Amino acid sequence: MSIKMFATSMQCEMCGAKIQGQSKTVRVEGAVLEVCAQCARYGTEVPKIQKPVQRTGTALRAPVVQPEKRKRDVFDFIEGEIVEDYGERIRTARMERGWSQKDLAMHLKEKELLIKKIEKGDLIPEDDVRKKLEKALNIRLIDSSSAEESARQAGKVVPTLGDVISLKKVKK
């Protein structure tokens, strides 16, 4: 009697394709997924946890795993949120300089269609394009002025809930 072993084929949890070879464990926007080699580039690789090994005659020891430095994800580089009227700001700054969309595109070394879509608000500029736009047009497209930051910069004290509420002790 022969025993046949069937290997379970794994599917990539991102694209659904059959994984050929070793699967990779990656973190994509906070979710840990088992993915194929092609989809592994969309996240940061998570080191697989090694299980403790039982040795005969010795105490149970967990292998020493050196913590790997976490690779930076795309979302780690985000400085703040882009302003809602970024298209209008870009358009007015461009027109103040007397540039056409084609002139701005040539100055930034980007495509004219990209500038048109950004100005219409159909496309949010990526960080590298946003930085080029800010530098070329001398404008600010990141909204980093929250209430706390502006209050700290101005040297004002922001009242907390404890400052506003006064507690009264009730005698029994």
Protein backbone atom coordinates (compact mmCIF):
# COMPACT_ATOMS: atom_id res chain seq x y z
CA MET A 1 0.00 0.00 0.00
CA SER A 2 1.51 3.31 -0.98
CA ILE A 3 0.78 6.59 0.73
CA LYS A 4 0.38 9.62 -1.45
CA MET A 5 1.06 13.05 -0.01
CA PHE A 6 -0.72 16.03 -1.46
CA ALA A 7 0.82 19.43 -0.95
CA THR A 8 -1.65 22.19 -0.44
CA SER A 9 -1.09 24.93 -2.95
CA MET A 10 -1.09 28.40 -1.48
CA GLN A 11 -2.68 31.38 -3.11
CA CYS A 12 -1.39 34.92 -2.82
CA GLU A 13 -3.65 36.84 -0.47
CA MET A 14 -3.20 39.98 -2.56
CA CYS A 15 -3.54 38.94 -6.23
CA GLY A 16 -4.98 35.42 -5.83
CA ALA A 17 -2.33 33.74 -8.00
CA LYS A 18 -0.86 30.36 -7.07
CA ILE A 19 2.38 30.92 -5.13
CA GLN A 20 5.36 29.27 -6.79
CA GLY A 21 8.15 28.57 -4.31
CA GLN A 22 8.31 30.22 -0.90
CA SER A 23 5.61 32.65 0.17
CA LYS A 24 6.53 35.95 1.80
CA THR A 25 4.90 37.52 4.83
CA VAL A 26 4.49 41.27 4.37
CA ARG A 27 2.67 44.11 6.09
CA VAL A 28 0.55 46.23 3.75
CA GLU A 29 -1.20 49.20 5.38
CA GLY A 30 -1.28 47.41 8.73
CA ALA A 31 -2.51 44.02 7.46
CA VAL A 32 -0.14 41.03 7.55
CA LEU A 33 -0.50 38.96 4.37
CA GLU A 34 1.05 35.82 2.81
CA VAL A 35 1.89 36.94 -0.74
CA CYS A 36 3.82 35.89 -3.84
CA ALA A 37 7.20 37.34 -4.80
CA GLN A 38 5.67 39.91 -7.18
CA CYS A 39 3.23 41.30 -4.59
CA ALA A 40 5.88 41.40 -1.83
CA ARG A 41 7.14 44.74 -3.18
CA TYR A 42 3.88 46.47 -2.15
CA GLY A 43 4.57 46.07 1.57
CA THR A 44 7.31 45.70 4.13
CA GLU A 45 8.55 42.20 4.87
CA VAL A 46 7.71 40.86 8.32
CA PRO A 47 10.19 38.40 9.85
CA LYS A 48 8.62 35.01 10.44
CA ILE A 49 8.45 33.99 14.10
CA GLN A 50 10.52 30.91 14.88
CA LYS A 51 8.91 28.39 17.18
CA PRO A 52 10.88 27.12 20.18
CA VAL A 53 12.62 23.78 19.64
CA GLN A 54 12.36 20.95 22.20
CA ARG A 55 15.73 19.30 22.75
CA THR A 56 16.11 15.99 24.50
CA GLY A 57 17.62 16.39 27.96
CA THR A 58 17.73 20.17 27.91
CA ALA A 59 15.35 22.88 28.96
CA LEU A 60 13.02 24.44 26.44
CA ARG A 61 14.72 27.46 24.92
CA ALA A 62 13.46 29.91 22.43
CA PRO A 63 15.97 30.79 19.73
CA VAL A 64 17.38 34.28 20.01
CA VAL A 65 15.96 36.34 17.17
CA GLN A 66 17.59 39.65 16.44
CA PRO A 67 14.91 42.25 15.75
CA GLU A 68 15.15 43.41 12.16
CA LYS A 69 15.01 47.06 11.37
CA ARG A 70 11.58 47.74 9.95
CA LYS A 71 11.72 48.98 6.40
CA ARG A 72 9.89 52.22 5.86
CA ASP A 73 6.52 52.04 4.21
CA VAL A 74 5.15 54.65 1.80
CA PHE A 75 2.84 55.99 4.50
CA ASP A 76 5.79 56.71 6.82
CA PHE A 77 6.93 59.47 4.51
CA ILE A 78 3.67 61.41 4.53
CA GLU A 79 4.28 64.78 6.17
CA GLY A 80 0.71 65.98 6.50
CA GLU A 81 -2.51 66.27 4.56
CA ILE A 82 -2.67 68.14 1.30
CA VAL A 83 -4.91 71.20 1.29
CA GLU A 84 -8.37 70.85 -0.27
CA ASP A 85 -7.92 73.68 -2.77
CA TYR A 86 -4.52 72.53 -4.06
CA GLY A 87 -5.63 72.76 -7.73
CA GLU A 88 -6.76 76.36 -7.35
CA ARG A 89 -3.58 77.35 -5.50
CA ILE A 90 -1.41 75.82 -8.22
CA ARG A 91 -3.45 77.48 -11.00
CA THR A 92 -3.34 80.97 -9.45
CA ALA A 93 0.38 80.75 -8.65
CA ARG A 94 1.10 79.57 -12.21
CA MET A 95 -0.98 82.35 -13.73
CA GLU A 96 0.70 84.99 -11.52
CA ARG A 97 3.99 84.00 -13.12
CA GLY A 98 2.45 84.14 -16.58
CA TRP A 99 3.17 80.48 -17.28
CA SER A 100 0.98 78.15 -19.28
CA GLN A 101 0.41 74.59 -18.13
CA LYS A 102 2.95 73.48 -20.74
CA ASP A 103 5.55 75.95 -19.38
CA LEU A 104 5.05 74.67 -15.84
CA ALA A 105 5.29 71.07 -17.02
CA MET A 106 8.55 71.79 -18.83
CA HIS A 107 9.94 73.62 -15.79
CA LEU A 108 9.08 70.65 -13.51
CA LYS A 109 10.12 68.08 -16.15
CA GLU A 110 6.70 66.44 -15.88
CA LYS A 111 3.95 65.78 -18.43
CA GLU A 112 1.46 68.52 -19.29
CA LEU A 113 -1.44 66.08 -18.79
CA LEU A 114 -0.29 65.54 -15.19
CA ILE A 115 -0.40 69.29 -14.52
CA LYS A 116 -3.88 69.53 -16.06
CA LYS A 117 -5.24 66.71 -13.92
CA ILE A 118 -3.69 68.13 -10.75
CA GLU A 119 -5.12 71.60 -11.43
CA LYS A 120 -8.59 70.17 -12.12
CA GLY A 121 -8.42 68.26 -8.84
CA ASP A 122 -8.71 64.87 -10.54
CA LEU A 123 -5.31 63.77 -9.26
CA ILE A 124 -3.54 64.40 -5.97
CA PRO A 125 0.15 65.08 -6.63
CA GLU A 126 2.65 62.57 -5.29
CA ASP A 127 5.22 63.84 -2.81
CA ASP A 128 8.03 64.37 -5.33
CA VAL A 129 5.75 66.29 -7.73
CA ARG A 130 4.22 68.24 -4.82
CA LYS A 131 7.67 69.32 -3.65
CA LYS A 132 8.61 70.41 -7.17
CA LEU A 133 5.38 72.42 -7.43
CA GLU A 134 5.92 74.06 -4.05
CA LYS A 135 9.49 75.03 -4.95
CA ALA A 136 8.74 76.26 -8.48
CA LEU A 137 5.62 78.24 -7.58
CA ASN A 138 6.68 79.25 -4.05
CA ILE A 139 3.46 77.94 -2.48
CA ARG A 140 2.56 75.56 0.35
CA LEU A 141 0.32 72.57 -0.43
CA ILE A 142 0.54 70.68 2.88
CA ASP A 143 -1.91 71.61 5.62
CA SER A 144 0.25 71.44 8.73
CA SER A 145 -1.46 74.18 10.70
CA SER A 146 -3.58 72.33 13.19
CA ALA A 147 -5.06 74.21 16.15
CA GLU A 148 -2.46 72.88 18.58
CA GLU A 149 0.53 73.65 16.36
CA SER A 150 -0.59 77.19 15.63
CA ALA A 151 -1.27 77.83 19.31
CA ARG A 152 2.15 76.50 20.28
CA GLN A 153 3.86 78.57 17.61
CA ALA A 154 2.09 81.71 18.72
CA GLY A 155 3.03 81.02 22.35
CA LYS A 156 -0.59 80.83 23.46
CA VAL A 157 -1.77 78.36 26.07
CA VAL A 158 -4.44 75.97 24.86
CA PRO A 159 -7.05 75.38 27.58
CA THR A 160 -7.73 71.77 28.45
CA LEU A 161 -10.96 70.25 29.69
CA GLY A 162 -9.59 70.36 33.26
CA ASP A 163 -9.08 74.14 32.96
CA VAL A 164 -12.67 74.70 31.92
CA ILE A 165 -14.49 72.44 34.39
CA SER A 166 -14.62 73.34 38.05
CA LEU A 167 -15.63 70.50 40.35
CA LYS A 168 -17.74 71.12 43.39
CA LYS A 169 -17.63 68.79 46.35
CA VAL A 170 -21.02 67.77 47.65
CA LYS A 171 -21.38 67.44 51.43
CA LYS A 172 -23.41 64.50 52.68
